[in-house]
Amino acid sequence: MNCGGLPKIASPNCSPPYDLPGSRLFEEFCGDTIKRWQLGDRVIKAKVTRIQPKSGRFRLWFEDGKSAFARRVIVAAGSGKPHLPAWVNKIQTQYPAKRIRHSHQVDLRTLQLYGEQILIVGGGLTSGHLALGAIARGAQVLLMTRRYFKEKLFDAEPGWLGPKYLKGFAAEPDCHSRWETIQQARNGGSMTPEIMTQLRRLSHSEKLTFHEQCEVVGVRWENNRWTVDCSGGETLFVDRIWLATGSKLDIAAEPMFQEMLETHPLEIVKGLPVLDKHLRWPGCELF
């Protein structure tokens, strides 16, 4: 997701415990790293579409048809394909594609939303950021989650950042049990106290409405708007629907890894590859 122009979360210099650095600090860090290690001519803008094993090396194919060779490859491309609720594929009326978008497709910098009603589905930090960005551009927002909105500094308990919980996790040999532990630890999305404070303030000014313990059961495109039927019997009328419903990683469905799976097959558990202790694809230098 590229929200563009989101509110600054913290000072780029000194921050309280657990606070987040500003984007300017991260940009300065990247710039300094590029300069220090003389990487100016090594940072390129490209999308990798194939990773092809070639005699102990890798050939990386780019979207524009060009390619490059590397002895080692680190994939840090984020998580999987957008997860869409089941009701999206059951919409029977014709509708403009831009009027329903997953959060990965929303770029607020390109939108003028004055006077529009936008339904944002999801209870995580992404939905909060989208709501703030939409309201800043003149929209009214309906924020919906099937549970209650949770306010936490971290999605998972801080003990997962160190040995308190990771020691036991590392000692578990069964990958299926590990996957279950990960799901329990994540326990759905949450929002930071700062974002929730801003959202509550906006709800008092009627720019935002919370819809908790609520699910979409059906939608129709009628009269140039969405008619949304909710699980509690309520009907909503909105101009756009944004889905902040997360993503799902299934390495077997990723085109980039198809040749790797053919030449270096590995165990896959619930879509996740079973890597070695160095996070390395077994038998090669792909991390």
C-alpha atoms as a PDB file:
ATOM      1  CA  MET A   1       0.000   0.000   0.000  1.00  0.00           C
ATOM      2  CA  ASN A   2       1.235   3.474  -0.723  1.00  0.00           C
ATOM      3  CA  CYS A   3      -0.930   5.906   1.232  1.00  0.00           C
ATOM      4  CA  GLY A   4       1.135   9.012   0.596  1.00  0.00           C
ATOM      5  CA  GLY A   5       0.974  12.017   2.900  1.00  0.00           C
ATOM      6  CA  LEU A   6       0.087  10.081   6.016  1.00  0.00           C
ATOM      7  CA  PRO A   7       0.362  11.926   9.329  1.00  0.00           C
ATOM      8  CA  LYS A   8       3.814  12.080  10.852  1.00  0.00           C
ATOM      9  CA  ILE A   9       4.045   9.617  13.719  1.00  0.00           C
ATOM     10  CA  ALA A  10       7.117  10.809  15.599  1.00  0.00           C
ATOM     11  CA  SER A  11      10.082  13.174  15.608  1.00  0.00           C
ATOM     12  CA  PRO A  12      12.996  12.155  13.339  1.00  0.00           C
ATOM     13  CA  ASN A  13      15.337  12.662  16.291  1.00  0.00           C
ATOM     14  CA  CYS A  14      14.536  11.742  19.897  1.00  0.00           C
ATOM     15  CA  SER A  15      11.518   9.502  20.472  1.00  0.00           C
ATOM     16  CA  PRO A  16       9.896   8.060  23.601  1.00  0.00           C
ATOM     17  CA  PRO A  17      10.217   4.314  24.223  1.00  0.00           C
ATOM     18  CA  TYR A  18       8.476   2.232  21.525  1.00  0.00           C
ATOM     19  CA  ASP A  19       7.713   5.303  19.441  1.00  0.00           C
ATOM     20  CA  LEU A  20       8.392   5.184  15.700  1.00  0.00           C
ATOM     21  CA  PRO A  21      10.992   7.266  13.849  1.00  0.00           C
ATOM     22  CA  GLY A  22       9.753   9.586  11.142  1.00  0.00           C
ATOM     23  CA  SER A  23      10.117   8.750   7.457  1.00  0.00           C
ATOM     24  CA  ARG A  24      12.786  11.447   7.066  1.00  0.00           C
ATOM     25  CA  LEU A  25      15.102   9.568   9.417  1.00  0.00           C
ATOM     26  CA  PHE A  26      14.679   6.357   7.418  1.00  0.00           C
ATOM     27  CA  GLU A  27      15.358   8.187   4.152  1.00  0.00           C
ATOM     28  CA  GLU A  28      18.545   9.674   5.649  1.00  0.00           C
ATOM     29  CA  PHE A  29      19.639   6.230   6.862  1.00  0.00           C
ATOM     30  CA  CYS A  30      19.155   4.731   3.384  1.00  0.00           C
ATOM     31  CA  GLY A  31      21.010   7.613   1.770  1.00  0.00           C
ATOM     32  CA  ASP A  32      23.900   7.305   4.202  1.00  0.00           C
ATOM     33  CA  THR A  33      24.141   3.539   3.637  1.00  0.00           C
ATOM     34  CA  ILE A  34      24.218   3.989  -0.146  1.00  0.00           C
ATOM     35  CA  LYS A  35      26.926   6.633   0.157  1.00  0.00           C
ATOM     36  CA  ARG A  36      29.056   4.796   2.739  1.00  0.00           C
ATOM     37  CA  TRP A  37      29.211   1.561   0.748  1.00  0.00           C
ATOM     38  CA  GLN A  38      29.378   3.309  -2.647  1.00  0.00           C
ATOM     39  CA  LEU A  39      26.152   1.704  -3.901  1.00  0.00           C
ATOM     40  CA  GLY A  40      24.931   4.639  -5.972  1.00  0.00           C
ATOM     41  CA  ASP A  41      25.224   2.722  -9.242  1.00  0.00           C
ATOM     42  CA  ARG A  42      23.950  -0.523  -7.668  1.00  0.00           C
ATOM     43  CA  VAL A  43      20.502   0.662  -6.576  1.00  0.00           C
ATOM     44  CA  ILE A  44      18.095   0.158  -9.461  1.00  0.00           C
ATOM     45  CA  LYS A  45      14.346   0.498  -9.848  1.00  0.00           C
ATOM     46  CA  ALA A  46      13.004  -2.747 -11.272  1.00  0.00           C
ATOM     47  CA  LYS A  47      10.507  -5.525 -10.582  1.00  0.00           C
ATOM     48  CA  VAL A  48      11.846  -9.087 -10.476  1.00  0.00           C
ATOM     49  CA  THR A  49       9.492 -11.535 -12.199  1.00  0.00           C
ATOM     50  CA  ARG A  50      11.670 -14.694 -12.301  1.00  0.00           C
ATOM     51  CA  ILE A  51      14.500 -16.161 -10.271  1.00  0.00           C
ATOM     52  CA  GLN A  52      16.312 -18.618 -12.514  1.00  0.00           C
ATOM     53  CA  PRO A  53      19.013 -20.915 -11.001  1.00  0.00           C
ATOM     54  CA  LYS A  54      22.071 -20.995 -13.279  1.00  0.00           C
ATOM     55  CA  SER A  55      25.149 -23.101 -12.361  1.00  0.00           C
ATOM     56  CA  GLY A  56      25.490 -22.008  -8.744  1.00  0.00           C
ATOM     57  CA  ARG A  57      24.278 -18.468  -9.485  1.00  0.00           C
ATOM     58  CA  PHE A  58      20.925 -16.840 -10.132  1.00  0.00           C
ATOM     59  CA  ARG A  59      19.638 -14.948 -13.131  1.00  0.00           C
ATOM     60  CA  LEU A  60      17.062 -12.365 -12.114  1.00  0.00           C
ATOM     61  CA  TRP A  61      14.602 -11.444 -14.837  1.00  0.00           C
ATOM     62  CA  PHE A  62      12.973  -8.011 -14.704  1.00  0.00           C
ATOM     63  CA  GLU A  63       9.565  -6.869 -15.890  1.00  0.00           C
ATOM     64  CA  ASP A  64      11.108  -4.936 -18.795  1.00  0.00           C
ATOM     65  CA  GLY A  65      12.793  -8.089 -20.180  1.00  0.00           C
ATOM     66  CA  LYS A  66      16.279  -7.250 -18.909  1.00  0.00           C
ATOM     67  CA  SER A  67      18.161  -9.474 -16.461  1.00  0.00           C
ATOM     68  CA  ALA A  68      21.087  -9.559 -14.030  1.00  0.00           C
ATOM     69  CA  PHE A  69      23.216 -12.253 -12.387  1.00  0.00           C
ATOM     70  CA  ALA A  70      23.925 -12.692  -8.665  1.00  0.00           C
ATOM     71  CA  ARG A  71      25.718 -15.232  -6.466  1.00  0.00           C
ATOM     72  CA  ARG A  72      23.356 -14.620  -3.571  1.00  0.00           C
ATOM     73  CA  VAL A  73      19.777 -13.334  -3.495  1.00  0.00           C
ATOM     74  CA  ILE A  74      17.775 -11.995  -0.547  1.00  0.00           C
ATOM     75  CA  VAL A  75      14.016 -11.697  -1.089  1.00  0.00           C
ATOM     76  CA  ALA A  76      12.455  -9.025   1.136  1.00  0.00           C
ATOM     77  CA  ALA A  77       9.372  -8.295  -0.938  1.00  0.00           C
ATOM     78  CA  GLY A  78       6.624  -8.256   1.671  1.00  0.00           C
ATOM     79  CA  SER A  79       3.819 -10.713   2.053  1.00  0.00           C
ATOM     80  CA  GLY A  80       1.906 -12.384  -0.705  1.00  0.00           C
ATOM     81  CA  LYS A  81      -1.233 -11.596  -2.600  1.00  0.00           C
ATOM     82  CA  PRO A  82      -4.124  -9.464  -1.312  1.00  0.00           C
ATOM     83  CA  HIS A  83      -6.691 -11.411   0.665  1.00  0.00           C
ATOM     84  CA  LEU A  84     -10.231 -10.645  -0.496  1.00  0.00           C
ATOM     85  CA  PRO A  85     -13.391 -11.477   1.483  1.00  0.00           C
ATOM     86  CA  ALA A  86     -15.571 -14.173  -0.095  1.00  0.00           C
ATOM     87  CA  TRP A  87     -18.404 -11.721  -0.846  1.00  0.00           C
ATOM     88  CA  VAL A  88     -16.240  -9.804  -3.331  1.00  0.00           C
ATOM     89  CA  ASN A  89     -16.381 -12.690  -5.820  1.00  0.00           C
ATOM     90  CA  LYS A  90     -20.147 -12.939  -5.414  1.00  0.00           C
ATOM     91  CA  ILE A  91     -20.971  -9.424  -6.647  1.00  0.00           C
ATOM     92  CA  GLN A  92     -23.467  -9.921  -9.476  1.00  0.00           C
ATOM     93  CA  THR A  93     -23.934  -6.349 -10.704  1.00  0.00           C
ATOM     94  CA  GLN A  94     -21.533  -4.602 -13.069  1.00  0.00           C
ATOM     95  CA  TYR A  95     -19.430  -1.931 -11.333  1.00  0.00           C
ATOM     96  CA  PRO A  96     -16.425   0.363 -11.979  1.00  0.00           C
ATOM     97  CA  ALA A  97     -13.286  -1.496 -10.863  1.00  0.00           C
ATOM     98  CA  LYS A  98     -11.828   1.614  -9.217  1.00  0.00           C
ATOM     99  CA  ARG A  99     -14.785   1.797  -6.825  1.00  0.00           C
ATOM    100  CA  ILE A 100     -13.672  -1.284  -4.874  1.00  0.00           C
ATOM    101  CA  ARG A 101      -9.992  -1.641  -4.107  1.00  0.00           C
ATOM    102  CA  HIS A 102      -7.715  -3.636  -1.833  1.00  0.00           C
ATOM    103  CA  SER A 103      -5.473  -1.446   0.306  1.00  0.00           C
ATOM    104  CA  HIS A 104      -2.472  -2.496  -1.836  1.00  0.00           C
ATOM    105  CA  GLN A 105      -4.100  -0.693  -4.781  1.00  0.00           C
ATOM    106  CA  VAL A 106      -4.978   2.564  -3.005  1.00  0.00           C
ATOM    107  CA  ASP A 107      -2.682   5.531  -3.592  1.00  0.00           C
ATOM    108  CA  LEU A 108      -4.193   8.491  -1.766  1.00  0.00           C
ATOM    109  CA  ARG A 109      -1.906  10.953  -3.530  1.00  0.00           C
ATOM    110  CA  THR A 110      -3.863  10.467  -6.752  1.00  0.00           C
ATOM    111  CA  LEU A 111      -7.360  10.865  -5.272  1.00  0.00           C
ATOM    112  CA  GLN A 112      -9.726  13.762  -4.678  1.00  0.00           C
ATOM    113  CA  LEU A 113     -12.453  12.484  -2.345  1.00  0.00           C
ATOM    114  CA  TYR A 114     -14.400  15.557  -1.260  1.00  0.00           C
ATOM    115  CA  GLY A 115     -17.996  14.700  -0.382  1.00  0.00           C
ATOM    116  CA  GLU A 116     -17.599  10.939  -0.859  1.00  0.00           C
ATOM    117  CA  GLN A 117     -18.631   8.214   1.576  1.00  0.00           C
ATOM    118  CA  ILE A 118     -16.004   5.467   1.853  1.00  0.00           C
ATOM    119  CA  LEU A 119     -16.408   2.114   3.574  1.00  0.00           C
ATOM    120  CA  ILE A 120     -13.096   0.715   4.849  1.00  0.00           C
ATOM    121  CA  VAL A 121     -13.209  -2.940   5.893  1.00  0.00           C
ATOM    122  CA  GLY A 122     -10.580  -4.130   8.374  1.00  0.00           C
ATOM    123  CA  GLY A 123      -9.428  -3.547  11.938  1.00  0.00           C
ATOM    124  CA  GLY A 124      -5.666  -3.175  11.517  1.00  0.00           C
ATOM    125  CA  LEU A 125      -3.322  -0.213  11.299  1.00  0.00           C
ATOM    126  CA  THR A 126      -3.658  -0.044   7.515  1.00  0.00           C
ATOM    127  CA  SER A 127      -7.382   0.692   7.800  1.00  0.00           C
ATOM    128  CA  GLY A 128      -6.616   3.479  10.288  1.00  0.00           C
ATOM    129  CA  HIS A 129      -4.055   5.066   7.976  1.00  0.00           C
ATOM    130  CA  LEU A 130      -6.446   4.879   5.033  1.00  0.00           C
ATOM    131  CA  ALA A 131      -9.234   6.446   7.086  1.00  0.00           C
ATOM    132  CA  LEU A 132      -7.055   9.385   8.144  1.00  0.00           C
ATOM    133  CA  GLY A 133      -5.841   9.903   4.584  1.00  0.00           C
ATOM    134  CA  ALA A 134      -9.344   9.770   3.110  1.00  0.00           C
ATOM    135  CA  ILE A 135     -10.762  12.211   5.659  1.00  0.00           C
ATOM    136  CA  ALA A 136      -7.856  14.594   5.020  1.00  0.00           C
ATOM    137  CA  ARG A 137      -8.967  14.579   1.374  1.00  0.00           C
ATOM    138  CA  GLY A 138     -12.569  15.483   2.172  1.00  0.00           C
ATOM    139  CA  ALA A 139     -14.266  12.100   2.532  1.00  0.00           C
ATOM    140  CA  GLN A 140     -16.509  10.720   5.244  1.00  0.00           C
ATOM    141  CA  VAL A 141     -15.418   7.263   6.394  1.00  0.00           C
ATOM    142  CA  LEU A 142     -17.250   4.216   7.720  1.00  0.00           C
ATOM    143  CA  LEU A 143     -14.738   1.920   9.443  1.00  0.00           C
ATOM    144  CA  MET A 144     -15.900  -1.693   9.778  1.00  0.00           C
ATOM    145  CA  THR A 145     -14.474  -4.726  11.591  1.00  0.00           C
ATOM    146  CA  ARG A 146     -16.034  -8.068  12.437  1.00  0.00           C
ATOM    147  CA  ARG A 147     -14.578  -7.812  15.947  1.00  0.00           C
ATOM    148  CA  TYR A 148     -13.867  -4.805  18.157  1.00  0.00           C
ATOM    149  CA  PHE A 149     -11.138  -2.316  17.276  1.00  0.00           C
ATOM    150  CA  LYS A 150      -8.115  -3.187  19.396  1.00  0.00           C
ATOM    151  CA  GLU A 151      -5.652  -0.593  20.647  1.00  0.00           C
ATOM    152  CA  LYS A 152      -2.100  -1.895  21.188  1.00  0.00           C
ATOM    153  CA  LEU A 153       1.464  -0.669  20.805  1.00  0.00           C
ATOM    154  CA  PHE A 154       2.332  -3.946  19.064  1.00  0.00           C
ATOM    155  CA  ASP A 155       0.250  -6.391  17.019  1.00  0.00           C
ATOM    156  CA  ALA A 156       2.043  -9.234  18.828  1.00  0.00           C
ATOM    157  CA  GLU A 157       3.322  -9.239  22.406  1.00  0.00           C
ATOM    158  CA  PRO A 158       6.791  -7.613  22.784  1.00  0.00           C
ATOM    159  CA  GLY A 159       8.102 -10.917  24.143  1.00  0.00           C
ATOM    160  CA  TRP A 160       8.233 -12.128  20.532  1.00  0.00           C
ATOM    161  CA  LEU A 161      11.002  -9.595  19.839  1.00  0.00           C
ATOM    162  CA  GLY A 162      13.436 -11.517  22.041  1.00  0.00           C
ATOM    163  CA  PRO A 163      14.164 -14.835  23.759  1.00  0.00           C
ATOM    164  CA  LYS A 164      11.166 -14.702  26.113  1.00  0.00           C
ATOM    165  CA  TYR A 165       8.910 -16.353  23.513  1.00  0.00           C
ATOM    166  CA  LEU A 166      11.304 -17.083  20.652  1.00  0.00           C
ATOM    167  CA  LYS A 167      13.343 -19.558  22.690  1.00  0.00           C
ATOM    168  CA  GLY A 168      10.360 -21.901  23.019  1.00  0.00           C
ATOM    169  CA  PHE A 169       9.375 -21.307  19.406  1.00  0.00           C
ATOM    170  CA  ALA A 170      12.853 -22.262  18.184  1.00  0.00           C
ATOM    171  CA  ALA A 171      12.740 -25.442  20.267  1.00  0.00           C
ATOM    172  CA  GLU A 172       9.520 -26.605  18.552  1.00  0.00           C
ATOM    173  CA  PRO A 173      10.527 -29.014  15.742  1.00  0.00           C
ATOM    174  CA  ASP A 174       7.097 -29.373  14.106  1.00  0.00           C
ATOM    175  CA  CYS A 175       6.465 -26.700  11.475  1.00  0.00           C
ATOM    176  CA  HIS A 176       2.692 -27.155  11.580  1.00  0.00           C
ATOM    177  CA  SER A 177       2.740 -26.405  15.316  1.00  0.00           C
ATOM    178  CA  ARG A 178       4.930 -23.378  14.629  1.00  0.00           C
ATOM    179  CA  TRP A 179       2.395 -22.095  12.098  1.00  0.00           C
ATOM    180  CA  GLU A 180      -0.424 -22.420  14.655  1.00  0.00           C
ATOM    181  CA  THR A 181       1.689 -20.533  17.203  1.00  0.00           C
ATOM    182  CA  ILE A 182       2.265 -17.723  14.713  1.00  0.00           C
ATOM    183  CA  GLN A 183      -1.476 -17.339  14.106  1.00  0.00           C
ATOM    184  CA  GLN A 184      -2.196 -17.205  17.849  1.00  0.00           C
ATOM    185  CA  ALA A 185       0.571 -14.681  18.419  1.00  0.00           C
ATOM    186  CA  ARG A 186      -0.651 -12.372  15.640  1.00  0.00           C
ATOM    187  CA  ASN A 187      -4.269 -12.559  16.849  1.00  0.00           C
ATOM    188  CA  GLY A 188      -5.673 -10.236  14.208  1.00  0.00           C
ATOM    189  CA  GLY A 189      -4.892  -6.597  13.520  1.00  0.00           C
ATOM    190  CA  SER A 190      -4.735  -3.704  15.949  1.00  0.00           C
ATOM    191  CA  MET A 191      -4.086   0.043  15.964  1.00  0.00           C
ATOM    192  CA  THR A 192      -1.611   2.131  17.896  1.00  0.00           C
ATOM    193  CA  PRO A 193      -2.946   4.383  20.676  1.00  0.00           C
ATOM    194  CA  GLU A 194      -1.983   7.472  18.668  1.00  0.00           C
ATOM    195  CA  ILE A 195      -3.973   6.414  15.592  1.00  0.00           C
ATOM    196  CA  MET A 196      -6.987   5.400  17.694  1.00  0.00           C
ATOM    197  CA  THR A 197      -6.936   8.774  19.442  1.00  0.00           C
ATOM    198  CA  GLN A 198      -7.078  10.560  16.090  1.00  0.00           C
ATOM    199  CA  LEU A 199      -9.890   8.314  14.857  1.00  0.00           C
ATOM    200  CA  ARG A 200     -11.983   8.831  18.004  1.00  0.00           C
ATOM    201  CA  ARG A 201     -11.562  12.588  17.668  1.00  0.00           C
ATOM    202  CA  LEU A 202     -12.786  12.421  14.070  1.00  0.00           C
ATOM    203  CA  SER A 203     -15.756  10.262  15.082  1.00  0.00           C
ATOM    204  CA  HIS A 204     -16.880  13.020  17.470  1.00  0.00           C
ATOM    205  CA  SER A 205     -16.926  15.451  14.537  1.00  0.00           C
ATOM    206  CA  GLU A 206     -18.997  12.962  12.485  1.00  0.00           C
ATOM    207  CA  LYS A 207     -16.296  12.584   9.855  1.00  0.00           C
ATOM    208  CA  LEU A 208     -15.905   8.927  10.808  1.00  0.00           C
ATOM    209  CA  THR A 209     -18.274   6.200  12.001  1.00  0.00           C
ATOM    210  CA  PHE A 210     -17.161   2.974  13.700  1.00  0.00           C
ATOM    211  CA  HIS A 211     -19.003  -0.233  12.776  1.00  0.00           C
ATOM    212  CA  GLU A 212     -17.786  -2.928  15.180  1.00  0.00           C
ATOM    213  CA  GLN A 213     -18.855  -6.582  15.310  1.00  0.00           C
ATOM    214  CA  CYS A 214     -20.159  -6.079  11.805  1.00  0.00           C
ATOM    215  CA  GLU A 215     -19.616  -7.970   8.546  1.00  0.00           C
ATOM    216  CA  VAL A 216     -20.597  -7.405   4.949  1.00  0.00           C
ATOM    217  CA  VAL A 217     -22.999 -10.089   3.719  1.00  0.00           C
ATOM    218  CA  GLY A 218     -23.655  -8.673   0.254  1.00  0.00           C
ATOM    219  CA  VAL A 219     -23.080  -5.640  -1.977  1.00  0.00           C
ATOM    220  CA  ARG A 220     -24.721  -4.258  -5.118  1.00  0.00           C
ATOM    221  CA  TRP A 221     -23.754  -1.416  -7.441  1.00  0.00           C
ATOM    222  CA  GLU A 222     -26.939   0.635  -7.830  1.00  0.00           C
ATOM    223  CA  ASN A 223     -27.514   4.219  -8.952  1.00  0.00           C
ATOM    224  CA  ASN A 224     -23.786   4.900  -9.173  1.00  0.00           C
ATOM    225  CA  ARG A 225     -23.220   3.871  -5.518  1.00  0.00           C
ATOM    226  CA  TRP A 226     -22.673   0.752  -3.463  1.00  0.00           C
ATOM    227  CA  THR A 227     -25.551  -0.696  -1.472  1.00  0.00           C
ATOM    228  CA  VAL A 228     -23.991  -2.708   1.359  1.00  0.00           C
ATOM    229  CA  ASP A 229     -25.966  -5.224   3.416  1.00  0.00           C
ATOM    230  CA  CYS A 230     -24.496  -5.847   6.882  1.00  0.00           C
ATOM    231  CA  SER A 231     -24.748  -8.875   9.154  1.00  0.00           C
ATOM    232  CA  GLY A 232     -26.749  -6.939  11.756  1.00  0.00           C
ATOM    233  CA  GLY A 233     -29.451  -6.028   9.246  1.00  0.00           C
ATOM    234  CA  GLU A 234     -28.188  -2.497   8.573  1.00  0.00           C
ATOM    235  CA  THR A 235     -27.868  -1.189   5.008  1.00  0.00           C
ATOM    236  CA  LEU A 236     -25.130   1.278   4.076  1.00  0.00           C
ATOM    237  CA  PHE A 237     -24.799   3.458   0.977  1.00  0.00           C
ATOM    238  CA  VAL A 238     -21.237   4.386  -0.013  1.00  0.00           C
ATOM    239  CA  ASP A 239     -19.262   5.643  -3.000  1.00  0.00           C
ATOM    240  CA  ARG A 240     -16.186   3.470  -2.546  1.00  0.00           C
ATOM    241  CA  ILE A 241     -15.142   0.312  -0.702  1.00  0.00           C
ATOM    242  CA  TRP A 242     -11.552  -0.200   0.427  1.00  0.00           C
ATOM    243  CA  LEU A 243     -10.478  -3.591   1.741  1.00  0.00           C
ATOM    244  CA  ALA A 244      -7.775  -3.462   4.412  1.00  0.00           C
ATOM    245  CA  THR A 245      -8.081  -7.228   4.800  1.00  0.00           C
ATOM    246  CA  GLY A 246      -4.437  -8.247   4.691  1.00  0.00           C
ATOM    247  CA  SER A 247      -2.595 -10.589   2.383  1.00  0.00           C
ATOM    248  CA  LYS A 248      -1.867 -14.278   2.123  1.00  0.00           C
ATOM    249  CA  LEU A 249       1.492 -15.788   1.230  1.00  0.00           C
ATOM    250  CA  ASP A 250       1.551 -18.984  -0.800  1.00  0.00           C
ATOM    251  CA  ILE A 251       5.001 -19.489  -2.232  1.00  0.00           C
ATOM    252  CA  ALA A 252       3.743 -22.212  -4.563  1.00  0.00           C
ATOM    253  CA  ALA A 253       1.485 -19.651  -6.263  1.00  0.00           C
ATOM    254  CA  GLU A 254       4.208 -17.017  -6.728  1.00  0.00           C
ATOM    255  CA  PRO A 255       5.452 -16.978 -10.361  1.00  0.00           C
ATOM    256  CA  MET A 256       8.840 -15.646  -9.234  1.00  0.00           C
ATOM    257  CA  PHE A 257       9.645 -18.937  -7.469  1.00  0.00           C
ATOM    258  CA  GLN A 258       8.333 -21.471  -9.996  1.00  0.00           C
ATOM    259  CA  GLU A 259      11.753 -22.428 -11.373  1.00  0.00           C
ATOM    260  CA  MET A 260      13.226 -22.597  -7.871  1.00  0.00           C
ATOM    261  CA  LEU A 261      10.494 -25.043  -6.851  1.00  0.00           C
ATOM    262  CA  GLU A 262      11.280 -27.209  -9.873  1.00  0.00           C
ATOM    263  CA  THR A 263      15.060 -27.322  -9.390  1.00  0.00           C
ATOM    264  CA  HIS A 264      15.208 -27.060  -5.579  1.00  0.00           C
ATOM    265  CA  PRO A 265      11.967 -28.552  -4.184  1.00  0.00           C
ATOM    266  CA  LEU A 266      11.316 -27.895  -0.496  1.00  0.00           C
ATOM    267  CA  GLU A 267       8.669 -28.507   2.148  1.00  0.00           C
ATOM    268  CA  ILE A 268       5.819 -26.002   2.241  1.00  0.00           C
ATOM    269  CA  VAL A 269       3.543 -25.574   5.266  1.00  0.00           C
ATOM    270  CA  LYS A 270       0.351 -23.514   4.846  1.00  0.00           C
ATOM    271  CA  GLY A 271       1.971 -21.626   1.973  1.00  0.00           C
ATOM    272  CA  LEU A 272       5.218 -20.901   3.853  1.00  0.00           C
ATOM    273  CA  PRO A 273       8.582 -22.406   2.789  1.00  0.00           C
ATOM    274  CA  VAL A 274      10.509 -24.420   5.377  1.00  0.00           C
ATOM    275  CA  LEU A 275      13.918 -22.709   5.434  1.00  0.00           C
ATOM    276  CA  ASP A 276      17.129 -23.524   7.312  1.00  0.00           C
ATOM    277  CA  LYS A 277      18.283 -21.679  10.435  1.00  0.00           C
ATOM    278  CA  HIS A 278      19.793 -18.920   8.274  1.00  0.00           C
ATOM    279  CA  LEU A 279      16.434 -18.340   6.492  1.00  0.00           C
ATOM    280  CA  ARG A 280      18.010 -19.921   3.427  1.00  0.00           C
ATOM    281  CA  TRP A 281      16.290 -21.980   0.739  1.00  0.00           C
ATOM    282  CA  PRO A 282      17.856 -25.441   1.273  1.00  0.00           C
ATOM    283  CA  GLY A 283      20.637 -26.270  -1.166  1.00  0.00           C
ATOM    284  CA  CYS A 284      21.327 -22.797  -2.519  1.00  0.00           C
ATOM    285  CA  GLU A 285      22.131 -19.175  -1.666  1.00  0.00           C
ATOM    286  CA  LEU A 286      18.599 -17.782  -1.859  1.00  0.00           C
ATOM    287  CA  PHE A 287      17.508 -16.186   1.436  1.00  0.00           C
END
